């Protein structure tokens, strides 16, 4: 049931936005881009457009819904102990990765593994990148948006609106994604900056939140179990091997422009984090005074609260901004996954001499495949934060160790080391999740399984979100064993000099 009245003017705003996205895709499609133009925008992206595409892609629906969900349930800890700690990892990515990745003209993250460890490791890296990049989080959030606003079944809303993002990505590739991300970036920032102050005025500000909040709601570290907090923060490690981030670096005109764009984006993300956290907390006050239903789903807290606080017209702009946030995530990652299917699987395994036209065509097929996979996964989870942590854990456990070894360690690296590191990481994550699901019980608040047991008189709780603490060391052990037991591979092509 919709929580906000959607007037005709709001629907017009939404319609104009959706048509504009499709128009951009069609315009770029008419230029008939080569594979490098389609996937990497000709490697000519400058700082301003990189800022827009980075800011909108990495602060998509997982932040809008995930951070506000945590803020609604737990309070200000969502900002101080979850979002801001993750930004430290983003700083590391800006300074440690941008220049080094530009030393060689890589096209994708799996290509780094292929060059250093051989084809088998490259294929495993491609599978990890595809699993991570399927747009399940974005489609999950689109479903929640349409359910709250239009009263539509989530699966249908994700199908309809997610199809728009699929269409312009198919048509235009990274250039279309970057241009639409620029539009989406502006909508995303402006609408939240307008909506949150209006919501504060509507519910009575943080005084009203304090009156309705449980004990510890305003404590910077909150009441979340410390290991769960570390697990949430550790999800930020995925940026160090995020295939979408790597794609932006490969597409940048220079390493300096990629680094500067990342640094500028961090300041934008800090402001965005606070707005989203504030919105989730203010939603609690709206529920307490009866403005929103008592059974409000925590995933819907921010969207429902802001929608009822805004007047006609601005509601449409806000919803367009929310759709922009969703689509900027969906379009970017479906393109990455599609390229993994064409460039990192089809090219090396099926047709090494595939020309540009065939690679573009196969990438478009891959985009559709990844979108369908994302749609199938999206509704297997009840909480978006649980979904995001699972996807980031899987990617990080499989490729962080071999990628960083290839970039920073000049010692011996055998093909078996890459293969074992990736495969042991994958098996460890799946085994941990299945084991906790079998032994534990489901927690409705956090949308995850928890296994509580006693040992030597002390009670312990293992959450599914703790998988990374187990799987990442196992991936490192796999790498070490592979180096000890494996034979040397062919010489690795040296990187070009840094820019």
Protein backbone atom coordinates (compact mmCIF):
# COMPACT_ATOMS: atom_id res chain seq x y z
CA UNK A 1 0.00 0.00 0.00
CA UNK A 2 1.52 3.35 -0.99
CA UNK A 3 2.67 5.60 1.82
CA UNK A 4 2.49 8.79 -0.20
CA UNK A 5 -0.05 10.20 -2.57
CA UNK A 6 1.37 10.30 -6.07
CA UNK A 7 -0.13 13.15 -8.05
CA UNK A 8 -0.26 13.52 -11.80
CA UNK A 9 2.62 16.01 -11.75
CA UNK A 10 4.80 13.50 -9.91
CA UNK A 11 4.05 10.86 -12.54
CA UNK A 12 4.95 13.30 -15.32
CA UNK A 13 8.33 13.99 -13.66
CA UNK A 14 9.00 10.26 -13.41
CA UNK A 15 7.95 9.70 -17.03
CA UNK A 16 10.24 12.46 -18.34
CA UNK A 17 13.16 11.03 -16.39
CA UNK A 18 12.67 7.50 -17.74
CA UNK A 19 12.33 8.74 -21.31
CA UNK A 20 15.49 10.81 -20.96
CA UNK A 21 17.46 7.74 -19.86
CA UNK A 22 16.26 5.78 -22.90
CA UNK A 23 17.01 8.73 -25.17
CA UNK A 24 20.63 8.90 -24.04
CA UNK A 25 21.07 5.18 -24.69
CA UNK A 26 19.62 5.46 -28.20
CA UNK A 27 21.78 8.48 -29.05
CA UNK A 28 24.99 6.63 -28.11
CA UNK A 29 23.78 3.48 -29.87
CA UNK A 30 23.59 5.35 -33.17
CA UNK A 31 27.33 6.05 -32.96
CA UNK A 32 28.05 2.28 -33.36
CA UNK A 33 30.90 2.18 -30.81
CA UNK A 34 33.86 -0.19 -30.98
CA UNK A 35 34.35 -2.66 -28.11
CA UNK A 36 36.76 -0.35 -26.25
CA UNK A 37 34.37 2.58 -26.69
CA UNK A 38 31.42 0.46 -25.63
CA UNK A 39 33.11 -0.95 -22.52
CA UNK A 40 35.62 1.78 -21.54
CA UNK A 41 34.34 4.94 -23.30
CA UNK A 42 37.54 5.04 -25.36
CA UNK A 43 39.67 5.40 -22.17
CA UNK A 44 39.02 9.15 -22.30
CA UNK A 45 36.90 9.81 -19.20
CA UNK A 46 37.94 12.98 -17.34
CA UNK A 47 37.65 13.90 -13.66
CA UNK A 48 34.19 15.61 -13.77
CA UNK A 49 32.40 12.74 -15.46
CA UNK A 50 34.33 10.20 -13.37
CA UNK A 51 33.12 11.98 -10.22
CA UNK A 52 29.53 11.72 -11.39
CA UNK A 53 29.68 8.07 -12.37
CA UNK A 54 31.68 7.02 -9.29
CA UNK A 55 29.54 8.98 -6.85
CA UNK A 56 26.25 7.68 -8.21
CA UNK A 57 27.36 4.08 -8.80
CA UNK A 58 29.03 3.38 -5.46
CA UNK A 59 26.42 5.15 -3.42
CA UNK A 60 23.48 3.40 -4.93
CA UNK A 61 20.56 1.60 -3.40
CA UNK A 62 22.70 -0.50 -1.05
CA UNK A 63 23.58 2.73 0.78
CA UNK A 64 20.22 4.47 0.37
CA UNK A 65 18.37 1.45 1.73
CA UNK A 66 21.09 -0.43 3.62
CA UNK A 67 22.41 2.51 5.67
CA UNK A 68 18.94 3.91 6.32
CA UNK A 69 17.78 0.41 7.35
CA UNK A 70 20.63 0.21 9.87
CA UNK A 71 19.96 3.76 11.08
CA UNK A 72 16.24 3.04 11.52
CA UNK A 73 16.99 -0.09 13.57
CA UNK A 74 20.15 0.91 15.45
CA UNK A 75 20.59 4.70 15.23
CA UNK A 76 23.56 6.93 14.58
CA UNK A 77 25.97 4.00 14.57
CA UNK A 78 25.05 3.65 10.87
CA UNK A 79 27.06 6.80 10.19
CA UNK A 80 29.96 6.68 12.65
CA UNK A 81 30.78 2.99 12.80
CA UNK A 82 29.52 1.67 9.46
CA UNK A 83 29.70 4.21 6.66
CA UNK A 84 32.61 6.37 7.75
CA UNK A 85 34.95 3.51 8.57
CA UNK A 86 34.38 2.15 5.08
CA UNK A 87 35.49 5.47 3.58
CA UNK A 88 38.99 4.85 4.97
CA UNK A 89 39.18 1.87 2.63
CA UNK A 90 38.10 4.11 -0.25
CA UNK A 91 41.03 6.44 0.53
CA UNK A 92 43.34 3.46 0.27
CA UNK A 93 41.84 2.60 -3.11
CA UNK A 94 42.35 6.17 -4.36
CA UNK A 95 46.04 6.33 -3.48
CA UNK A 96 47.15 2.70 -3.71
CA UNK A 97 45.35 1.43 -6.79
CA UNK A 98 44.61 4.15 -9.35
CA UNK A 99 48.19 4.71 -10.56
CA UNK A 100 49.25 1.07 -10.39
CA UNK A 101 46.22 -0.13 -12.36
CA UNK A 102 46.96 2.38 -15.11
CA UNK A 103 50.50 1.06 -15.62
CA UNK A 104 49.14 -1.47 -18.09
CA UNK A 105 46.13 -1.22 -20.35
CA UNK A 106 43.96 -3.79 -18.65
CA UNK A 107 40.41 -4.12 -19.86
CA UNK A 108 38.90 -5.95 -16.89
CA UNK A 109 39.71 -7.24 -13.42
CA UNK A 110 39.84 -10.94 -14.49
CA UNK A 111 42.43 -10.01 -17.13
CA UNK A 112 44.86 -9.15 -14.30
CA UNK A 113 44.47 -12.69 -12.98
CA UNK A 114 44.79 -14.19 -16.46
CA UNK A 115 48.05 -12.36 -17.15
CA UNK A 116 49.59 -13.34 -13.82
CA UNK A 117 48.23 -16.84 -13.17
CA UNK A 118 46.91 -18.14 -16.46
CA UNK A 119 43.56 -18.80 -18.05
CA UNK A 120 42.03 -20.93 -15.26
CA UNK A 121 42.53 -18.19 -12.66
CA UNK A 122 41.17 -15.63 -15.11
CA UNK A 123 38.02 -17.71 -15.60
CA UNK A 124 37.53 -18.03 -11.82
CA UNK A 125 38.01 -14.29 -11.48
CA UNK A 126 35.44 -13.72 -14.20
CA UNK A 127 32.93 -15.93 -12.38
CA UNK A 128 33.56 -14.00 -9.13
CA UNK A 129 33.11 -10.70 -10.93
CA UNK A 130 29.91 -11.87 -12.63
CA UNK A 131 28.39 -13.11 -9.36
CA UNK A 132 29.26 -9.84 -7.65
CA UNK A 133 28.14 -7.65 -10.53
CA UNK A 134 24.71 -9.10 -11.24
CA UNK A 135 22.36 -6.25 -10.23
CA UNK A 136 20.50 -8.08 -7.47
CA UNK A 137 20.78 -5.27 -4.87
CA UNK A 138 19.56 -2.63 -7.30
CA UNK A 139 16.63 -4.76 -8.47
CA UNK A 140 15.76 -5.65 -4.86
CA UNK A 141 15.61 -1.94 -4.04
CA UNK A 142 13.56 -1.10 -7.15
CA UNK A 143 11.05 -3.69 -6.02
CA UNK A 144 10.81 -2.02 -2.60
CA UNK A 145 10.42 1.42 -4.21
CA UNK A 146 7.51 0.39 -6.40
CA UNK A 147 5.88 -1.47 -3.52
CA UNK A 148 5.99 1.56 -1.18
CA UNK A 149 5.09 4.19 -3.76
CA UNK A 150 2.66 2.42 -6.07
CA UNK A 151 1.55 -0.57 -4.00
CA UNK A 152 2.94 -2.80 -6.75
CA UNK A 153 4.32 -6.26 -6.09
CA UNK A 154 8.13 -5.93 -5.70
CA UNK A 155 8.89 -8.54 -8.37
CA UNK A 156 6.78 -6.68 -10.92
CA UNK A 157 8.21 -3.24 -10.12
CA UNK A 158 11.76 -4.55 -10.43
CA UNK A 159 10.88 -6.14 -13.75
CA UNK A 160 9.37 -2.97 -15.24
CA UNK A 161 11.73 -0.26 -14.00
CA UNK A 162 14.81 -2.48 -14.06
CA UNK A 163 14.01 -3.08 -17.71
CA UNK A 164 14.56 0.62 -18.46
CA UNK A 165 18.10 0.49 -17.02
CA UNK A 166 18.71 -2.68 -19.01
CA UNK A 167 17.55 -1.02 -22.22
CA UNK A 168 19.83 2.03 -22.20
CA UNK A 169 22.82 -0.03 -21.03
CA UNK A 170 22.30 -2.42 -23.94
CA UNK A 171 22.14 0.48 -26.36
CA UNK A 172 25.00 2.71 -25.30
CA UNK A 173 27.54 0.91 -23.12
CA UNK A 174 29.78 2.80 -20.67
CA UNK A 175 29.34 6.18 -22.36
CA UNK A 176 25.57 5.93 -21.98
CA UNK A 177 26.05 4.74 -18.40
CA UNK A 178 28.37 7.67 -17.63
CA UNK A 179 26.07 10.29 -19.18
CA UNK A 180 22.99 8.92 -17.46
CA UNK A 181 24.96 8.62 -14.21
CA UNK A 182 25.70 12.35 -14.47
CA UNK A 183 21.99 13.12 -14.65
CA UNK A 184 21.31 10.63 -11.89
CA UNK A 185 24.07 12.06 -9.71
CA UNK A 186 22.50 15.52 -9.78
CA UNK A 187 19.02 14.19 -9.00
CA UNK A 188 20.33 11.93 -6.25
CA UNK A 189 22.16 14.70 -4.37
CA UNK A 190 19.66 17.51 -4.82
CA UNK A 191 16.60 15.53 -3.86
CA UNK A 192 18.08 14.21 -0.61
CA UNK A 193 19.45 17.64 0.30
CA UNK A 194 15.93 19.08 -0.07
CA UNK A 195 14.00 16.15 1.38
CA UNK A 196 15.81 15.55 4.69
CA UNK A 197 15.40 19.12 6.08
CA UNK A 198 11.72 19.03 5.12
CA UNK A 199 11.35 15.66 6.86
CA UNK A 200 12.99 17.10 9.98
CA UNK A 201 10.45 19.90 10.05
CA UNK A 202 7.59 17.49 9.53
CA UNK A 203 8.41 15.08 12.37
CA UNK A 204 9.91 17.53 14.86
CA UNK A 205 13.63 16.99 14.28
CA UNK A 206 15.96 14.91 16.40
CA UNK A 207 14.19 15.84 19.61
CA UNK A 208 11.28 13.74 18.36
CA UNK A 209 13.70 10.94 17.46
CA UNK A 210 15.23 11.03 20.95
CA UNK A 211 11.77 10.76 22.52
CA UNK A 212 10.95 7.65 20.48
CA UNK A 213 14.36 5.99 20.37
CA UNK A 214 15.57 3.10 22.53
CA UNK A 215 18.60 3.40 24.80
CA UNK A 216 21.88 3.66 22.87
CA UNK A 217 20.25 5.00 19.69
CA UNK A 218 22.54 8.06 19.70
CA UNK A 219 25.68 6.22 20.82
CA UNK A 220 28.32 6.39 18.04
CA UNK A 221 29.11 2.68 18.43
CA UNK A 222 25.52 1.67 19.21
CA UNK A 223 24.50 -1.70 20.58
CA UNK A 224 25.42 -3.76 17.52
CA UNK A 225 27.67 -6.75 18.33
CA UNK A 226 31.24 -5.59 17.74
CA UNK A 227 32.05 -8.45 15.37
CA UNK A 228 28.96 -7.70 13.28
CA UNK A 229 30.05 -4.07 13.05
CA UNK A 230 33.49 -5.18 11.89
CA UNK A 231 31.83 -7.50 9.37
CA UNK A 232 29.73 -4.63 7.97
CA UNK A 233 32.81 -2.43 7.73
CA UNK A 234 34.86 -5.23 6.15
CA UNK A 235 32.36 -5.28 3.30
CA UNK A 236 34.07 -2.05 2.24
CA UNK A 237 37.17 -4.10 1.37
CA UNK A 238 35.36 -5.06 -1.80
CA UNK A 239 36.17 -1.63 -3.30
CA UNK A 240 39.79 -2.80 -3.48
CA UNK A 241 38.73 -5.45 -6.00
CA UNK A 242 35.45 -3.98 -7.21
CA UNK A 243 35.21 -4.66 -10.98
CA UNK A 244 33.16 -1.49 -11.51
CA UNK A 245 35.81 0.66 -9.83
CA UNK A 246 38.52 -1.03 -11.87
CA UNK A 247 36.53 -0.36 -15.04
CA UNK A 248 36.41 3.38 -14.20
CA UNK A 249 40.16 3.45 -13.60
CA UNK A 250 40.83 1.64 -16.88
CA UNK A 251 38.50 4.10 -18.65
CA UNK A 252 40.09 7.23 -17.15
CA UNK A 253 42.15 9.52 -19.33
CA UNK A 254 44.98 9.31 -16.78
CA UNK A 255 45.73 7.84 -13.37
CA UNK A 256 45.74 11.32 -11.85
CA UNK A 257 42.21 12.02 -13.03
CA UNK A 258 41.00 8.69 -11.63
CA UNK A 259 42.61 9.40 -8.25
CA UNK A 260 41.27 12.96 -8.06
CA UNK A 261 37.77 11.80 -8.96
CA UNK A 262 37.88 9.24 -6.17
CA UNK A 263 39.01 11.83 -3.62
CA UNK A 264 36.31 14.32 -4.62
CA UNK A 265 33.70 11.57 -4.49
CA UNK A 266 34.66 10.72 -0.90
CA UNK A 267 33.58 14.18 0.28
CA UNK A 268 30.26 13.78 -1.52
CA UNK A 269 29.78 10.34 0.02
CA UNK A 270 30.30 11.69 3.54
CA UNK A 271 27.46 14.19 3.07
CA UNK A 272 25.28 11.53 1.45
CA UNK A 273 25.94 9.11 4.31
CA UNK A 274 24.77 11.63 6.85
CA UNK A 275 21.60 12.52 4.93
CA UNK A 276 20.66 8.85 4.56
CA UNK A 277 21.41 8.10 8.22
CA UNK A 278 19.36 11.09 9.33
CA UNK A 279 16.47 9.99 7.12
CA UNK A 280 16.39 6.51 8.63
CA UNK A 281 16.43 7.89 12.17
CA UNK A 282 13.72 10.45 11.44
CA UNK A 283 11.54 7.66 10.06
CA UNK A 284 11.52 6.16 13.57
CA UNK A 285 9.93 9.36 14.91
CA UNK A 286 7.34 9.27 12.13
CA UNK A 287 6.40 5.73 13.11
CA UNK A 288 6.26 6.64 16.81
CA UNK A 289 3.73 9.45 16.28
CA UNK A 290 1.56 7.39 13.93
CA UNK A 291 2.43 9.16 10.68
CA UNK A 292 3.78 5.88 9.33
CA UNK A 293 2.51 2.36 10.11
CA UNK A 294 3.95 0.50 13.09
CA UNK A 295 4.80 -2.51 10.91
CA UNK A 296 6.87 -0.45 8.47
CA UNK A 297 9.57 -2.58 6.86
CA UNK A 298 12.99 -1.19 7.80
CA UNK A 299 14.09 -1.33 4.15
CA UNK A 300 11.27 1.10 3.33
CA UNK A 301 11.83 3.53 6.22
CA UNK A 302 13.62 6.34 4.38
CA UNK A 303 11.53 6.15 1.23
CA UNK A 304 8.20 6.14 3.09
CA UNK A 305 9.20 8.95 5.47
CA UNK A 306 10.51 11.31 2.81
CA UNK A 307 7.64 10.63 0.43
CA UNK A 308 4.96 11.66 2.93
CA UNK A 309 6.93 14.80 3.94
CA UNK A 310 7.35 16.26 0.45
CA UNK A 311 4.70 18.25 -1.45
CA UNK A 312 3.35 17.39 -4.89
CA UNK A 313 5.95 17.86 -7.61
CA UNK A 314 8.91 17.54 -5.26
CA UNK A 315 7.74 14.02 -4.48
CA UNK A 316 8.14 13.18 -8.15
CA UNK A 317 11.62 14.74 -8.24
CA UNK A 318 12.62 12.79 -5.12
CA UNK A 319 11.31 9.52 -6.55
CA UNK A 320 13.17 10.24 -9.78
CA UNK A 321 16.30 10.71 -7.67
CA UNK A 322 15.69 7.39 -5.93
CA UNK A 323 15.17 5.68 -9.27
CA UNK A 324 18.36 7.37 -10.45
CA UNK A 325 20.24 5.88 -7.53
CA UNK A 326 18.92 2.42 -8.35
CA UNK A 327 19.56 2.63 -12.06
CA UNK A 328 23.10 3.99 -11.69
CA UNK A 329 23.95 0.80 -9.81
CA UNK A 330 22.05 -1.54 -12.12
CA UNK A 331 23.44 -0.12 -15.37
CA UNK A 332 27.07 -0.06 -14.22
CA UNK A 333 27.20 -3.59 -12.90
CA UNK A 334 25.20 -5.27 -15.65
CA UNK A 335 27.69 -3.79 -18.12
CA UNK A 336 30.65 -5.10 -16.10
CA UNK A 337 29.12 -8.58 -15.82
CA UNK A 338 28.25 -8.57 -19.52
CA UNK A 339 31.85 -7.73 -20.38
CA UNK A 340 33.10 -10.51 -18.10
CA UNK A 341 30.95 -12.94 -20.05
CA UNK A 342 32.19 -11.74 -23.45
CA UNK A 343 35.78 -10.63 -22.86
CA UNK A 344 36.80 -12.90 -19.97
CA UNK A 345 34.87 -16.09 -20.80
CA UNK A 346 33.77 -16.12 -24.46
CA UNK A 347 36.98 -14.61 -25.87
CA UNK A 348 39.56 -16.87 -24.16
CA UNK A 349 37.49 -20.05 -24.06
CA UNK A 350 35.51 -19.95 -27.30
CA UNK A 351 36.89 -17.46 -29.83
CA UNK A 352 40.25 -15.79 -29.08
CA UNK A 353 40.18 -13.94 -32.43
CA UNK A 354 36.70 -12.39 -31.94
CA UNK A 355 36.52 -8.95 -33.55
CA UNK A 356 35.06 -5.77 -32.04
CA UNK A 357 31.61 -6.23 -33.53
CA UNK A 358 31.34 -9.76 -32.18
CA UNK A 359 32.58 -8.73 -28.72
CA UNK A 360 30.08 -5.88 -28.51
CA UNK A 361 27.28 -8.22 -29.58
CA UNK A 362 28.35 -10.87 -27.07
CA UNK A 363 28.64 -8.24 -24.33
CA UNK A 364 25.05 -7.19 -24.98
CA UNK A 365 23.96 -10.80 -24.63
CA UNK A 366 25.98 -10.98 -21.42
CA UNK A 367 24.27 -7.85 -20.10
CA UNK A 368 20.89 -9.54 -20.52
CA UNK A 369 22.14 -12.75 -18.87
CA UNK A 370 23.56 -10.85 -15.88
CA UNK A 371 20.33 -8.87 -15.48
CA UNK A 372 18.27 -12.07 -15.45
CA UNK A 373 20.61 -13.66 -12.89
CA UNK A 374 20.40 -10.55 -10.71
CA UNK A 375 16.63 -10.62 -10.89
CA UNK A 376 16.58 -14.28 -9.85
CA UNK A 377 18.85 -13.64 -6.84
CA UNK A 378 17.27 -10.35 -5.74
CA UNK A 379 14.30 -11.81 -3.88
CA UNK A 380 16.15 -14.64 -2.17
CA UNK A 381 17.03 -12.22 0.67
CA UNK A 382 14.71 -10.27 2.99
CA UNK A 383 17.19 -7.51 3.93
CA UNK A 384 19.32 -5.58 1.46
CA UNK A 385 22.24 -5.30 3.88
CA UNK A 386 22.43 -9.10 4.20
CA UNK A 387 22.41 -9.38 0.39
CA UNK A 388 25.18 -6.78 -0.02
CA UNK A 389 27.40 -8.40 2.62
CA UNK A 390 27.05 -11.81 0.93
CA UNK A 391 27.99 -10.50 -2.53
CA UNK A 392 30.96 -8.47 -1.27
CA UNK A 393 32.20 -11.37 0.87
CA UNK A 394 32.16 -13.71 -2.11
CA UNK A 395 34.12 -11.34 -4.36
CA UNK A 396 36.65 -10.33 -1.71
CA UNK A 397 37.30 -13.90 -0.60
CA UNK A 398 37.97 -15.07 -4.14
CA UNK A 399 40.12 -12.34 -5.69
CA UNK A 400 41.56 -9.94 -3.09
CA UNK A 401 44.60 -12.10 -2.25
CA UNK A 402 45.63 -13.04 -5.83
CA UNK A 403 44.93 -9.55 -7.22
CA UNK A 404 47.02 -7.77 -4.58
CA UNK A 405 49.77 -10.38 -4.88
CA UNK A 406 49.91 -9.74 -8.62
CA UNK A 407 50.00 -5.95 -8.19
CA UNK A 408 52.33 -5.60 -5.21
CA UNK A 409 54.37 -8.77 -4.69
CA UNK A 410 57.31 -9.39 -7.01
CA UNK A 411 58.00 -12.89 -5.68
CA UNK A 412 57.07 -16.23 -7.19
CA UNK A 413 53.45 -16.60 -8.31
CA UNK A 414 52.43 -19.95 -9.79
CA UNK A 415 49.23 -20.61 -11.75
CA UNK A 416 48.16 -23.05 -9.02
CA UNK A 417 48.44 -20.25 -6.43
CA UNK A 418 45.88 -18.16 -8.31
CA UNK A 419 43.53 -21.07 -8.89
CA UNK A 420 43.66 -22.34 -5.30
CA UNK A 421 43.28 -18.88 -3.80
CA UNK A 422 40.14 -18.18 -5.84
CA UNK A 423 38.55 -21.61 -5.48
CA UNK A 424 39.30 -22.05 -1.76
CA UNK A 425 37.86 -18.60 -1.09
CA UNK A 426 34.67 -19.49 -2.98
CA UNK A 427 34.21 -22.86 -1.26
CA UNK A 428 34.89 -21.32 2.16
CA UNK A 429 32.15 -18.70 1.78
CA UNK A 430 29.56 -21.19 0.57
CA UNK A 431 30.46 -23.71 3.29
CA UNK A 432 30.28 -21.05 6.02
CA UNK A 433 26.89 -19.72 4.88
CA UNK A 434 25.38 -23.18 4.51
CA UNK A 435 26.85 -24.33 7.82
CA UNK A 436 25.47 -21.37 9.79
CA UNK A 437 22.10 -21.75 8.05
CA UNK A 438 22.00 -25.44 9.02
CA UNK A 439 23.13 -24.98 12.62
CA UNK A 440 21.61 -21.59 13.40
CA UNK A 441 18.26 -19.84 13.51
CA UNK A 442 16.91 -17.01 11.39
CA UNK A 443 16.85 -13.50 12.92
CA UNK A 444 13.96 -11.41 11.55
CA UNK A 445 15.48 -8.05 12.56
CA UNK A 446 18.76 -8.50 10.69
CA UNK A 447 17.51 -10.88 8.02
CA UNK A 448 20.29 -13.41 8.61
CA UNK A 449 21.10 -16.74 10.30
CA UNK A 450 22.87 -16.83 13.67
CA UNK A 451 24.37 -19.89 15.37
CA UNK A 452 24.60 -19.50 19.15
CA UNK A 453 26.54 -22.13 21.10
CA UNK A 454 28.36 -22.56 24.41
CA UNK A 455 31.99 -23.58 24.84
CA UNK A 456 33.73 -24.02 28.17
CA UNK A 457 30.99 -22.10 29.92
CA UNK A 458 31.05 -19.14 27.49
CA UNK A 459 28.33 -18.39 24.93
CA UNK A 460 29.33 -17.46 21.39
CA UNK A 461 27.27 -16.29 18.40
CA UNK A 462 28.36 -16.81 14.81
CA UNK A 463 26.52 -14.78 12.15
CA UNK A 464 26.52 -15.53 8.45
CA UNK A 465 28.05 -12.08 8.00
CA UNK A 466 31.22 -13.32 9.73
CA UNK A 467 32.12 -15.46 6.72
CA UNK A 468 34.91 -13.12 5.58
CA UNK A 469 36.81 -13.66 8.85
CA UNK A 470 37.06 -17.32 7.85
CA UNK A 471 37.16 -17.28 4.06
CA UNK A 472 39.80 -14.57 3.47
CA UNK A 473 42.48 -16.35 5.56
CA UNK A 474 41.55 -19.59 3.78
CA UNK A 475 42.10 -17.85 0.42
CA UNK A 476 45.56 -16.74 1.63
CA UNK A 477 46.37 -20.30 2.72
CA UNK A 478 45.29 -21.53 -0.72
CA UNK A 479 47.63 -19.01 -2.35
CA UNK A 480 50.58 -20.06 -0.18
CA UNK A 481 49.97 -23.78 -0.81
CA UNK A 482 49.65 -23.16 -4.54
CA UNK A 483 52.99 -21.39 -4.56
CA UNK A 484 54.63 -24.19 -2.63
CA UNK A 485 53.19 -27.05 -4.68
CA UNK A 486 52.66 -25.52 -8.11
CA UNK A 487 55.01 -25.27 -11.08
CA UNK A 488 56.06 -21.95 -12.55
CA UNK A 489 53.85 -20.60 -15.29
CA UNK A 490 54.77 -18.66 -18.45
CA UNK A 491 56.52 -15.30 -17.97
CA UNK A 492 54.16 -12.53 -16.93
CA UNK A 493 53.91 -9.57 -19.30
CA UNK A 494 55.52 -6.61 -17.49
CA UNK A 495 53.48 -3.54 -16.71
CA UNK A 496 54.14 -0.34 -18.58
CA UNK A 497 55.76 2.55 -16.77
CA UNK A 498 53.47 4.58 -14.54
CA UNK A 499 52.01 7.74 -15.97
